[in-house]
Amino acid sequence: MKLDAHQTAGAAAQAAGQNTAIEGVHRGDVDRKAKVGSLPQDQLELSRLVSDITRAETIGVARRAGLVKGLAKLHRTGAYVPDPAALSRKLIEQALASTESENQSG
């Protein structure tokens, strides 16, 4: 029976209680870097995507907090007077959109 270095490294890692799948992925990345000469492009793109999502969430949270604070102030002073018709229309639009998306995905 012939064993190569990859098989023996995996067996040694298992005996030591390490995760062999992680070791295999790491080793494959090293081999790929040696062949290509640089990091795979998808790692860089993923980092940029995560950064963009985090930035958008931060902006969205801050904006929403500002809107809620403004509405709370209007409500406390008695200046907040919602338009019942507009509110009803928006609630119905959202309910219909939610039902349509459920029907399309299910």
PDB file of N, CA and C in Angstrom:
ATOM      1  N   MET A   1       0.842  -1.181   0.000  1.00  0.00           N
ATOM      2  CA  MET A   1       0.000   0.000   0.000  1.00  0.00           C
ATOM      3  C   MET A   1       0.877   1.232   0.000  1.00  0.00           C
ATOM      4  N   LYS A   2       0.595   2.165  -0.920  1.00  0.00           N
ATOM      5  CA  LYS A   2       1.410   3.370  -1.043  1.00  0.00           C
ATOM      6  C   LYS A   2       0.669   4.548  -0.411  1.00  0.00           C
ATOM      7  N   LEU A   3       1.329   5.333   0.422  1.00  0.00           N
ATOM      8  CA  LEU A   3       0.760   6.527   1.049  1.00  0.00           C
ATOM      9  C   LEU A   3       1.532   7.744   0.576  1.00  0.00           C
ATOM     10  N   ASP A   4       0.800   8.793   0.213  1.00  0.00           N
ATOM     11  CA  ASP A   4       1.513  10.016  -0.139  1.00  0.00           C
ATOM     12  C   ASP A   4       1.495  10.983   1.042  1.00  0.00           C
ATOM     13  N   ALA A   5       2.167  12.105   0.918  1.00  0.00           N
ATOM     14  CA  ALA A   5       2.303  13.067   2.017  1.00  0.00           C
ATOM     15  C   ALA A   5       0.943  13.613   2.445  1.00  0.00           C
ATOM     16  N   HIS A   6       0.034  13.818   1.497  1.00  0.00           N
ATOM     17  CA  HIS A   6      -1.286  14.365   1.816  1.00  0.00           C
ATOM     18  C   HIS A   6      -2.065  13.403   2.714  1.00  0.00           C
ATOM     19  N   GLN A   7      -2.024  12.131   2.401  1.00  0.00           N
ATOM     20  CA  GLN A   7      -2.741  11.145   3.207  1.00  0.00           C
ATOM     21  C   GLN A   7      -2.159  11.042   4.602  1.00  0.00           C
ATOM     22  N   THR A   8      -0.846  11.030   4.725  1.00  0.00           N
ATOM     23  CA  THR A   8      -0.236  10.898   6.047  1.00  0.00           C
ATOM     24  C   THR A   8      -0.439  12.155   6.874  1.00  0.00           C
ATOM     25  N   ALA A   9      -0.448  13.319   6.231  1.00  0.00           N
ATOM     26  CA  ALA A   9      -0.688  14.565   6.965  1.00  0.00           C
ATOM     27  C   ALA A   9      -2.109  14.574   7.503  1.00  0.00           C
ATOM     28  N   GLY A  10      -3.055  14.102   6.695  1.00  0.00           N
ATOM     29  CA  GLY A  10      -4.447  14.049   7.148  1.00  0.00           C
ATOM     30  C   GLY A  10      -4.623  13.084   8.299  1.00  0.00           C
ATOM     31  N   ALA A  11      -3.975  11.928   8.239  1.00  0.00           N
ATOM     32  CA  ALA A  11      -4.074  10.948   9.318  1.00  0.00           C
ATOM     33  C   ALA A  11      -3.440  11.491  10.590  1.00  0.00           C
ATOM     34  N   ALA A  12      -2.323  12.181  10.464  1.00  0.00           N
ATOM     35  CA  ALA A  12      -1.655  12.762  11.639  1.00  0.00           C
ATOM     36  C   ALA A  12      -2.529  13.843  12.262  1.00  0.00           C
ATOM     37  N   ALA A  13      -3.180  14.640  11.432  1.00  0.00           N
ATOM     38  CA  ALA A  13      -4.056  15.698  11.941  1.00  0.00           C
ATOM     39  C   ALA A  13      -5.251  15.097  12.667  1.00  0.00           C
ATOM     40  N   GLN A  14      -5.802  14.004  12.107  1.00  0.00           N
ATOM     41  CA  GLN A  14      -6.932  13.351  12.767  1.00  0.00           C
ATOM     42  C   GLN A  14      -6.514  12.790  14.117  1.00  0.00           C
ATOM     43  N   ALA A  15      -5.354  12.203  14.168  1.00  0.00           N
ATOM     44  CA  ALA A  15      -4.859  11.641  15.418  1.00  0.00           C
ATOM     45  C   ALA A  15      -4.637  12.742  16.451  1.00  0.00           C
ATOM     46  N   ALA A  16      -4.256  13.932  15.989  1.00  0.00           N
ATOM     47  CA  ALA A  16      -4.017  15.061  16.896  1.00  0.00           C
ATOM     48  C   ALA A  16      -5.311  15.797  17.218  1.00  0.00           C
ATOM     49  N   GLY A  17      -6.427  15.390  16.613  1.00  0.00           N
ATOM     50  CA  GLY A  17      -7.717  16.016  16.888  1.00  0.00           C
ATOM     51  C   GLY A  17      -7.951  17.282  16.087  1.00  0.00           C
ATOM     52  N   GLN A  18      -7.204  17.489  15.017  1.00  0.00           N
ATOM     53  CA  GLN A  18      -7.367  18.685  14.192  1.00  0.00           C
ATOM     54  C   GLN A  18      -8.344  18.405  13.071  1.00  0.00           C
ATOM     55  N   ASN A  19      -8.884  19.476  12.519  1.00  0.00           N
ATOM     56  CA  ASN A  19      -9.831  19.353  11.419  1.00  0.00           C
ATOM     57  C   ASN A  19      -9.058  19.199  10.118  1.00  0.00           C
ATOM     58  N   THR A  20      -9.160  18.047   9.491  1.00  0.00           N
ATOM     59  CA  THR A  20      -8.401  17.783   8.269  1.00  0.00           C
ATOM     60  C   THR A  20      -8.954  18.554   7.082  1.00  0.00           C
ATOM     61  N   ALA A  21     -10.238  18.884   7.093  1.00  0.00           N
ATOM     62  CA  ALA A  21     -10.812  19.629   5.969  1.00  0.00           C
ATOM     63  C   ALA A  21     -10.176  21.000   5.864  1.00  0.00           C
ATOM     64  N   ILE A  22      -9.945  21.651   6.985  1.00  0.00           N
ATOM     65  CA  ILE A  22      -9.324  22.972   6.966  1.00  0.00           C
ATOM     66  C   ILE A  22      -7.900  22.862   6.451  1.00  0.00           C
ATOM     67  N   GLU A  23      -7.184  21.862   6.917  1.00  0.00           N
ATOM     68  CA  GLU A  23      -5.819  21.670   6.449  1.00  0.00           C
ATOM     69  C   GLU A  23      -5.781  21.447   4.941  1.00  0.00           C
ATOM     70  N   GLY A  24      -6.724  20.663   4.426  1.00  0.00           N
ATOM     71  CA  GLY A  24      -6.760  20.389   2.997  1.00  0.00           C
ATOM     72  C   GLY A  24      -7.026  21.638   2.185  1.00  0.00           C
ATOM     73  N   VAL A  25      -7.924  22.472   2.657  1.00  0.00           N
ATOM     74  CA  VAL A  25      -8.230  23.710   1.942  1.00  0.00           C
ATOM     75  C   VAL A  25      -7.021  24.613   1.945  1.00  0.00           C
ATOM     76  N   HIS A  26      -6.366  24.737   3.096  1.00  0.00           N
ATOM     77  CA  HIS A  26      -5.196  25.605   3.209  1.00  0.00           C
ATOM     78  C   HIS A  26      -4.101  25.133   2.258  1.00  0.00           C
ATOM     79  N   ARG A  27      -3.850  23.843   2.255  1.00  0.00           N
ATOM     80  CA  ARG A  27      -2.798  23.290   1.411  1.00  0.00           C
ATOM     81  C   ARG A  27      -3.117  23.531  -0.064  1.00  0.00           C
ATOM     82  N   GLY A  28      -4.405  23.393  -0.431  1.00  0.00           N
ATOM     83  CA  GLY A  28      -4.799  23.642  -1.817  1.00  0.00           C
ATOM     84  C   GLY A  28      -4.592  25.084  -2.208  1.00  0.00           C
ATOM     85  N   ASP A  29      -4.866  26.024  -1.300  1.00  0.00           N
ATOM     86  CA  ASP A  29      -4.654  27.441  -1.577  1.00  0.00           C
ATOM     87  C   ASP A  29      -3.177  27.734  -1.805  1.00  0.00           C
ATOM     88  N   VAL A  30      -2.320  27.108  -1.015  1.00  0.00           N
ATOM     89  CA  VAL A  30      -0.883  27.316  -1.176  1.00  0.00           C
ATOM     90  C   VAL A  30      -0.459  26.818  -2.547  1.00  0.00           C
ATOM     91  N   ASP A  31      -0.952  25.637  -2.951  1.00  0.00           N
ATOM     92  CA  ASP A  31      -0.620  25.103  -4.265  1.00  0.00           C
ATOM     93  C   ASP A  31      -1.109  26.033  -5.374  1.00  0.00           C
ATOM     94  N   ARG A  32      -2.322  26.558  -5.217  1.00  0.00           N
ATOM     95  CA  ARG A  32      -2.894  27.439  -6.235  1.00  0.00           C
ATOM     96  C   ARG A  32      -2.083  28.728  -6.324  1.00  0.00           C
ATOM     97  N   LYS A  33      -1.670  29.286  -5.173  1.00  0.00           N
ATOM     98  CA  LYS A  33      -0.871  30.508  -5.172  1.00  0.00           C
ATOM     99  C   LYS A  33       0.454  30.280  -5.885  1.00  0.00           C
ATOM    100  N   ALA A  34       1.054  29.116  -5.664  1.00  0.00           N
ATOM    101  CA  ALA A  34       2.320  28.814  -6.301  1.00  0.00           C
ATOM    102  C   ALA A  34       2.154  28.757  -7.812  1.00  0.00           C
ATOM    103  N   LYS A  35       1.025  28.231  -8.289  1.00  0.00           N
ATOM    104  CA  LYS A  35       0.786  28.117  -9.730  1.00  0.00           C
ATOM    105  C   LYS A  35       0.424  29.463 -10.347  1.00  0.00           C
ATOM    106  N   VAL A  36      -0.443  30.220  -9.689  1.00  0.00           N
ATOM    107  CA  VAL A  36      -0.946  31.469 -10.258  1.00  0.00           C
ATOM    108  C   VAL A  36      -0.027  32.628  -9.911  1.00  0.00           C
ATOM    109  N   GLY A  37       0.545  32.628  -8.725  1.00  0.00           N
ATOM    110  CA  GLY A  37       1.439  33.698  -8.325  1.00  0.00           C
ATOM    111  C   GLY A  37       0.759  34.799  -7.530  1.00  0.00           C
ATOM    112  N   SER A  38      -0.542  34.694  -7.266  1.00  0.00           N
ATOM    113  CA  SER A  38      -1.242  35.698  -6.462  1.00  0.00           C
ATOM    114  C   SER A  38      -2.444  35.055  -5.801  1.00  0.00           C
ATOM    115  N   LEU A  39      -3.082  35.810  -4.917  1.00  0.00           N
ATOM    116  CA  LEU A  39      -4.280  35.300  -4.256  1.00  0.00           C
ATOM    117  C   LEU A  39      -5.415  35.164  -5.253  1.00  0.00           C
ATOM    118  N   PRO A  40      -6.306  34.210  -5.031  1.00  0.00           N
ATOM    119  CA  PRO A  40      -7.475  34.102  -5.906  1.00  0.00           C
ATOM    120  C   PRO A  40      -8.307  35.379  -5.838  1.00  0.00           C
ATOM    121  N   GLN A  41      -8.832  35.813  -6.957  1.00  0.00           N
ATOM    122  CA  GLN A  41      -9.577  37.068  -7.047  1.00  0.00           C
ATOM    123  C   GLN A  41     -10.833  37.071  -6.186  1.00  0.00           C
ATOM    124  N   ASP A  42     -11.494  35.918  -6.017  1.00  0.00           N
ATOM    125  CA  ASP A  42     -12.747  35.889  -5.269  1.00  0.00           C
ATOM    126  C   ASP A  42     -12.569  36.280  -3.808  1.00  0.00           C
ATOM    127  N   GLN A  43     -11.426  36.048  -3.230  1.00  0.00           N
ATOM    128  CA  GLN A  43     -11.202  36.458  -1.843  1.00  0.00           C
ATOM    129  C   GLN A  43     -11.209  37.982  -1.727  1.00  0.00           C
ATOM    130  N   LEU A  44     -10.625  38.651  -2.675  1.00  0.00           N
ATOM    131  CA  LEU A  44     -10.594  40.110  -2.650  1.00  0.00           C
ATOM    132  C   LEU A  44     -11.983  40.691  -2.885  1.00  0.00           C
ATOM    133  N   GLU A  45     -12.719  40.123  -3.808  1.00  0.00           N
ATOM    134  CA  GLU A  45     -14.061  40.603  -4.094  1.00  0.00           C
ATOM    135  C   GLU A  45     -14.994  40.378  -2.912  1.00  0.00           C
ATOM    136  N   LEU A  46     -14.865  39.267  -2.251  1.00  0.00           N
ATOM    137  CA  LEU A  46     -15.699  38.974  -1.097  1.00  0.00           C
ATOM    138  C   LEU A  46     -15.432  39.979   0.014  1.00  0.00           C
ATOM    139  N   SER A  47     -14.180  40.318   0.230  1.00  0.00           N
ATOM    140  CA  SER A  47     -13.831  41.303   1.252  1.00  0.00           C
ATOM    141  C   SER A  47     -14.466  42.645   0.937  1.00  0.00           C
ATOM    142  N   ARG A  48     -14.433  43.050  -0.305  1.00  0.00           N
ATOM    143  CA  ARG A  48     -15.018  44.325  -0.704  1.00  0.00           C
ATOM    144  C   ARG A  48     -16.535  44.280  -0.522  1.00  0.00           C
ATOM    145  N   LEU A  49     -17.156  43.172  -0.880  1.00  0.00           N
ATOM    146  CA  LEU A  49     -18.606  43.031  -0.738  1.00  0.00           C
ATOM    147  C   LEU A  49     -19.017  43.122   0.727  1.00  0.00           C
ATOM    148  N   VAL A  50     -18.305  42.430   1.599  1.00  0.00           N
ATOM    149  CA  VAL A  50     -18.619  42.476   3.027  1.00  0.00           C
ATOM    150  C   VAL A  50     -18.455  43.895   3.550  1.00  0.00           C
ATOM    151  N   SER A  51     -17.421  44.572   3.124  1.00  0.00           N
ATOM    152  CA  SER A  51     -17.197  45.957   3.543  1.00  0.00           C
ATOM    153  C   SER A  51     -18.338  46.864   3.085  1.00  0.00           C
ATOM    154  N   ASP A  52     -18.781  46.705   1.841  1.00  0.00           N
ATOM    155  CA  ASP A  52     -19.892  47.503   1.319  1.00  0.00           C
ATOM    156  C   ASP A  52     -21.185  47.241   2.078  1.00  0.00           C
ATOM    157  N   ILE A  53     -21.448  45.982   2.388  1.00  0.00           N
ATOM    158  CA  ILE A  53     -22.668  45.626   3.132  1.00  0.00           C
ATOM    159  C   ILE A  53     -22.622  46.229   4.537  1.00  0.00           C
ATOM    160  N   THR A  54     -21.484  46.115   5.189  1.00  0.00           N
ATOM    161  CA  THR A  54     -21.344  46.666   6.543  1.00  0.00           C
ATOM    162  C   THR A  54     -21.545  48.170   6.540  1.00  0.00           C
ATOM    163  N   ARG A  55     -20.957  48.847   5.559  1.00  0.00           N
ATOM    164  CA  ARG A  55     -21.101  50.302   5.463  1.00  0.00           C
ATOM    165  C   ARG A  55     -22.557  50.675   5.212  1.00  0.00           C
ATOM    166  N   ALA A  56     -23.241  49.963   4.336  1.00  0.00           N
ATOM    167  CA  ALA A  56     -24.647  50.252   4.034  1.00  0.00           C
ATOM    168  C   ALA A  56     -25.526  50.021   5.265  1.00  0.00           C
ATOM    169  N   GLU A  57     -25.251  48.959   6.008  1.00  0.00           N
ATOM    170  CA  GLU A  57     -26.030  48.693   7.227  1.00  0.00           C
ATOM    171  C   GLU A  57     -25.829  49.807   8.243  1.00  0.00           C
ATOM    172  N   THR A  58     -24.603  50.271   8.393  1.00  0.00           N
ATOM    173  CA  THR A  58     -24.301  51.341   9.345  1.00  0.00           C
ATOM    174  C   THR A  58     -25.037  52.621   8.972  1.00  0.00           C
ATOM    175  N   ILE A  59     -25.008  52.951   7.702  1.00  0.00           N
ATOM    176  CA  ILE A  59     -25.707  54.148   7.229  1.00  0.00           C
ATOM    177  C   ILE A  59     -27.210  53.993   7.424  1.00  0.00           C
ATOM    178  N   GLY A  60     -27.745  52.822   7.095  1.00  0.00           N
ATOM    179  CA  GLY A  60     -29.174  52.570   7.237  1.00  0.00           C
ATOM    180  C   GLY A  60     -29.637  52.642   8.684  1.00  0.00           C
ATOM    181  N   VAL A  61     -28.844  52.084   9.594  1.00  0.00           N
ATOM    182  CA  VAL A  61     -29.195  52.109  11.016  1.00  0.00           C
ATOM    183  C   VAL A  61     -29.188  53.541  11.531  1.00  0.00           C
ATOM    184  N   ALA A  62     -28.166  54.308  11.164  1.00  0.00           N
ATOM    185  CA  ALA A  62     -28.076  55.701  11.624  1.00  0.00           C
ATOM    186  C   ALA A  62     -29.232  56.532  11.058  1.00  0.00           C
ATOM    187  N   ARG A  63     -29.548  56.324   9.792  1.00  0.00           N
ATOM    188  CA  ARG A  63     -30.641  57.071   9.159  1.00  0.00           C
ATOM    189  C   ARG A  63     -31.980  56.741   9.831  1.00  0.00           C
ATOM    190  N   ARG A  64     -32.207  55.462  10.047  1.00  0.00           N
ATOM    191  CA  ARG A  64     -33.465  55.040  10.669  1.00  0.00           C
ATOM    192  C   ARG A  64     -33.577  55.575  12.096  1.00  0.00           C
ATOM    193  N   ALA A  65     -32.472  55.549  12.836  1.00  0.00           N
ATOM    194  CA  ALA A  65     -32.485  56.074  14.202  1.00  0.00           C
ATOM    195  C   ALA A  65     -32.836  57.556  14.197  1.00  0.00           C
ATOM    196  N   GLY A  66     -32.322  58.291  13.223  1.00  0.00           N
ATOM    197  CA  GLY A  66     -32.644  59.710  13.105  1.00  0.00           C
ATOM    198  C   GLY A  66     -34.123  59.934  12.804  1.00  0.00           C
ATOM    199  N   LEU A  67     -34.668  59.119  11.909  1.00  0.00           N
ATOM    200  CA  LEU A  67     -36.089  59.241  11.578  1.00  0.00           C
ATOM    201  C   LEU A  67     -36.978  58.922  12.778  1.00  0.00           C
ATOM    202  N   VAL A  68     -36.635  57.871  13.509  1.00  0.00           N
ATOM    203  CA  VAL A  68     -37.425  57.485  14.679  1.00  0.00           C
ATOM    204  C   VAL A  68     -37.352  58.580  15.745  1.00  0.00           C
ATOM    205  N   LYS A  69     -36.174  59.133  15.927  1.00  0.00           N
ATOM    206  CA  LYS A  69     -36.008  60.210  16.910  1.00  0.00           C
ATOM    207  C   LYS A  69     -36.868  61.420  16.534  1.00  0.00           C
ATOM    208  N   GLY A  70     -36.873  61.764  15.250  1.00  0.00           N
ATOM    209  CA  GLY A  70     -37.691  62.871  14.782  1.00  0.00           C
ATOM    210  C   GLY A  70     -39.181  62.603  14.966  1.00  0.00           C
ATOM    211  N   LEU A  71     -39.622  61.391  14.657  1.00  0.00           N
ATOM    212  CA  LEU A  71     -41.034  61.042  14.850  1.00  0.00           C
ATOM    213  C   LEU A  71     -41.424  61.049  16.327  1.00  0.00           C
ATOM    214  N   ALA A  72     -40.518  60.579  17.172  1.00  0.00           N
ATOM    215  CA  ALA A  72     -40.800  60.584  18.615  1.00  0.00           C
ATOM    216  C   ALA A  72     -40.979  62.011  19.126  1.00  0.00           C
ATOM    217  N   LYS A  73     -40.142  62.917  18.633  1.00  0.00           N
ATOM    218  CA  LYS A  73     -40.252  64.323  19.044  1.00  0.00           C
ATOM    219  C   LYS A  73     -41.584  64.913  18.579  1.00  0.00           C
ATOM    220  N   LEU A  74     -41.951  64.627  17.318  1.00  0.00           N
ATOM    221  CA  LEU A  74     -43.237  65.116  16.803  1.00  0.00           C
ATOM    222  C   LEU A  74     -44.398  64.554  17.623  1.00  0.00           C
ATOM    223  N   HIS A  75     -44.312  63.275  17.969  1.00  0.00           N
ATOM    224  CA  HIS A  75     -45.375  62.635  18.741  1.00  0.00           C
ATOM    225  C   HIS A  75     -45.500  63.265  20.131  1.00  0.00           C
ATOM    226  N   ARG A  76     -44.355  63.504  20.796  1.00  0.00           N
ATOM    227  CA  ARG A  76     -44.370  64.110  22.135  1.00  0.00           C
ATOM    228  C   ARG A  76     -44.998  65.502  22.123  1.00  0.00           C
ATOM    229  N   THR A  77     -44.719  66.264  21.075  1.00  0.00           N
ATOM    230  CA  THR A  77     -45.239  67.636  21.010  1.00  0.00           C
ATOM    231  C   THR A  77     -46.660  67.694  20.468  1.00  0.00           C
ATOM    232  N   GLY A  78     -47.170  66.556  20.006  1.00  0.00           N
ATOM    233  CA  GLY A  78     -48.523  66.534  19.455  1.00  0.00           C
ATOM    234  C   GLY A  78     -48.589  66.975  18.005  1.00  0.00           C
ATOM    235  N   ALA A  79     -47.426  67.158  17.388  1.00  0.00           N
ATOM    236  CA  ALA A  79     -47.381  67.624  16.003  1.00  0.00           C
ATOM    237  C   ALA A  79     -47.462  66.484  14.992  1.00  0.00           C
ATOM    238  N   TYR A  80     -47.355  65.250  15.445  1.00  0.00           N
ATOM    239  CA  TYR A  80     -47.406  64.110  14.523  1.00  0.00           C
ATOM    240  C   TYR A  80     -48.859  63.755  14.236  1.00  0.00           C
ATOM    241  N   VAL A  81     -49.259  63.957  12.987  1.00  0.00           N
ATOM    242  CA  VAL A  81     -50.624  63.643  12.570  1.00  0.00           C
ATOM    243  C   VAL A  81     -50.518  62.759  11.325  1.00  0.00           C
ATOM    244  N   PRO A  82     -50.617  61.447  11.515  1.00  0.00           N
ATOM    245  CA  PRO A  82     -50.503  60.549  10.359  1.00  0.00           C
ATOM    246  C   PRO A  82     -51.712  60.676   9.436  1.00  0.00           C
ATOM    247  N   ASP A  83     -51.493  60.390   8.169  1.00  0.00           N
ATOM    248  CA  ASP A  83     -52.562  60.390   7.171  1.00  0.00           C
ATOM    249  C   ASP A  83     -53.113  58.964   7.107  1.00  0.00           C
ATOM    250  N   PRO A  84     -54.318  58.726   7.645  1.00  0.00           N
ATOM    251  CA  PRO A  84     -54.861  57.361   7.686  1.00  0.00           C
ATOM    252  C   PRO A  84     -54.989  56.723   6.306  1.00  0.00           C
ATOM    253  N   ALA A  85     -55.359  57.481   5.301  1.00  0.00           N
ATOM    254  CA  ALA A  85     -55.511  56.920   3.946  1.00  0.00           C
ATOM    255  C   ALA A  85     -54.164  56.475   3.386  1.00  0.00           C
ATOM    256  N   ALA A  86     -53.158  57.327   3.546  1.00  0.00           N
ATOM    257  CA  ALA A  86     -51.821  56.974   3.046  1.00  0.00           C
ATOM    258  C   ALA A  86     -51.265  55.773   3.795  1.00  0.00           C
ATOM    259  N   LEU A  87     -51.489  55.743   5.100  1.00  0.00           N
ATOM    260  CA  LEU A  87     -51.035  54.623   5.912  1.00  0.00           C
ATOM    261  C   LEU A  87     -51.712  53.325   5.480  1.00  0.00           C
ATOM    262  N   SER A  88     -52.999  53.372   5.248  1.00  0.00           N
ATOM    263  CA  SER A  88     -53.745  52.181   4.808  1.00  0.00           C
ATOM    264  C   SER A  88     -53.250  51.690   3.460  1.00  0.00           C
ATOM    265  N   ARG A  89     -53.053  52.623   2.528  1.00  0.00           N
ATOM    266  CA  ARG A  89     -52.552  52.242   1.195  1.00  0.00           C
ATOM    267  C   ARG A  89     -51.196  51.543   1.300  1.00  0.00           C
ATOM    268  N   LYS A  90     -50.313  52.108   2.113  1.00  0.00           N
ATOM    269  CA  LYS A  90     -48.969  51.539   2.244  1.00  0.00           C
ATOM    270  C   LYS A  90     -49.020  50.148   2.877  1.00  0.00           C
ATOM    271  N   LEU A  91     -49.852  49.971   3.891  1.00  0.00           N
ATOM    272  CA  LEU A  91     -49.986  48.655   4.521  1.00  0.00           C
ATOM    273  C   LEU A  91     -50.507  47.610   3.537  1.00  0.00           C
ATOM    274  N   ILE A  92     -51.468  47.990   2.720  1.00  0.00           N
ATOM    275  CA  ILE A  92     -52.028  47.068   1.721  1.00  0.00           C
ATOM    276  C   ILE A  92     -50.989  46.751   0.656  1.00  0.00           C
ATOM    277  N   GLU A  93     -50.243  47.774   0.191  1.00  0.00           N
ATOM    278  CA  GLU A  93     -49.179  47.551  -0.807  1.00  0.00           C
ATOM    279  C   GLU A  93     -48.160  46.545  -0.290  1.00  0.00           C
ATOM    280  N   GLN A  94     -47.725  46.739   0.956  1.00  0.00           N
ATOM    281  CA  GLN A  94     -46.717  45.847   1.527  1.00  0.00           C
ATOM    282  C   GLN A  94     -47.256  44.426   1.701  1.00  0.00           C
ATOM    283  N   ALA A  95     -48.514  44.309   2.103  1.00  0.00           N
ATOM    284  CA  ALA A  95     -49.111  42.978   2.265  1.00  0.00           C
ATOM    285  C   ALA A  95     -49.205  42.263   0.918  1.00  0.00           C
ATOM    286  N   LEU A  96     -49.632  42.991  -0.113  1.00  0.00           N
ATOM    287  CA  LEU A  96     -49.729  42.391  -1.448  1.00  0.00           C
ATOM    288  C   LEU A  96     -48.357  42.004  -1.988  1.00  0.00           C
ATOM    289  N   ALA A  97     -47.374  42.861  -1.792  1.00  0.00           N
ATOM    290  CA  ALA A  97     -46.009  42.566  -2.261  1.00  0.00           C
ATOM    291  C   ALA A  97     -45.447  41.342  -1.540  1.00  0.00           C
ATOM    292  N   SER A  98     -45.729  41.229  -0.254  1.00  0.00           N
ATOM    293  CA  SER A  98     -45.257  40.092   0.521  1.00  0.00           C
ATOM    294  C   SER A  98     -45.911  38.805   0.033  1.00  0.00           C
ATOM    295  N   THR A  99     -47.209  38.868  -0.255  1.00  0.00           N
ATOM    296  CA  THR A  99     -47.937  37.695  -0.741  1.00  0.00           C
ATOM    297  C   THR A  99     -47.420  37.279  -2.123  1.00  0.00           C
ATOM    298  N   GLU A 100     -47.157  38.263  -3.002  1.00  0.00           N
ATOM    299  CA  GLU A 100     -46.637  37.962  -4.338  1.00  0.00           C
ATOM    300  C   GLU A 100     -45.274  37.306  -4.262  1.00  0.00           C
ATOM    301  N   SER A 101     -44.392  37.820  -3.401  1.00  0.00           N
ATOM    302  CA  SER A 101     -43.048  37.246  -3.302  1.00  0.00           C
ATOM    303  C   SER A 101     -43.112  35.823  -2.714  1.00  0.00           C
ATOM    304  N   GLU A 102     -44.027  35.579  -1.790  1.00  0.00           N
ATOM    305  CA  GLU A 102     -44.183  34.228  -1.239  1.00  0.00           C
ATOM    306  C   GLU A 102     -44.689  33.264  -2.300  1.00  0.00           C
ATOM    307  N   ASN A 103     -45.619  33.724  -3.144  1.00  0.00           N
ATOM    308  CA  ASN A 103     -46.166  32.883  -4.206  1.00  0.00           C
ATOM    309  C   ASN A 103     -45.109  32.560  -5.256  1.00  0.00           C
ATOM    310  N   GLN A 104     -44.222  33.514  -5.549  1.00  0.00           N
ATOM    311  CA  GLN A 104     -43.184  33.293  -6.554  1.00  0.00           C
ATOM    312  C   GLN A 104     -42.088  32.358  -6.040  1.00  0.00           C
ATOM    313  N   SER A 105     -41.763  32.463  -4.747  1.00  0.00           N
ATOM    314  CA  SER A 105     -40.690  31.628  -4.213  1.00  0.00           C
ATOM    315  C   SER A 105     -41.184  30.236  -3.797  1.00  0.00           C
ATOM    316  N   GLY A 106     -42.462  30.082  -3.579  1.00  0.00           N
ATOM    317  CA  GLY A 106     -42.980  28.800  -3.080  1.00  0.00           C
ATOM    318  C   GLY A 106     -43.634  28.013  -4.097  1.00  0.00           C
TER     319      GLY A 106
END
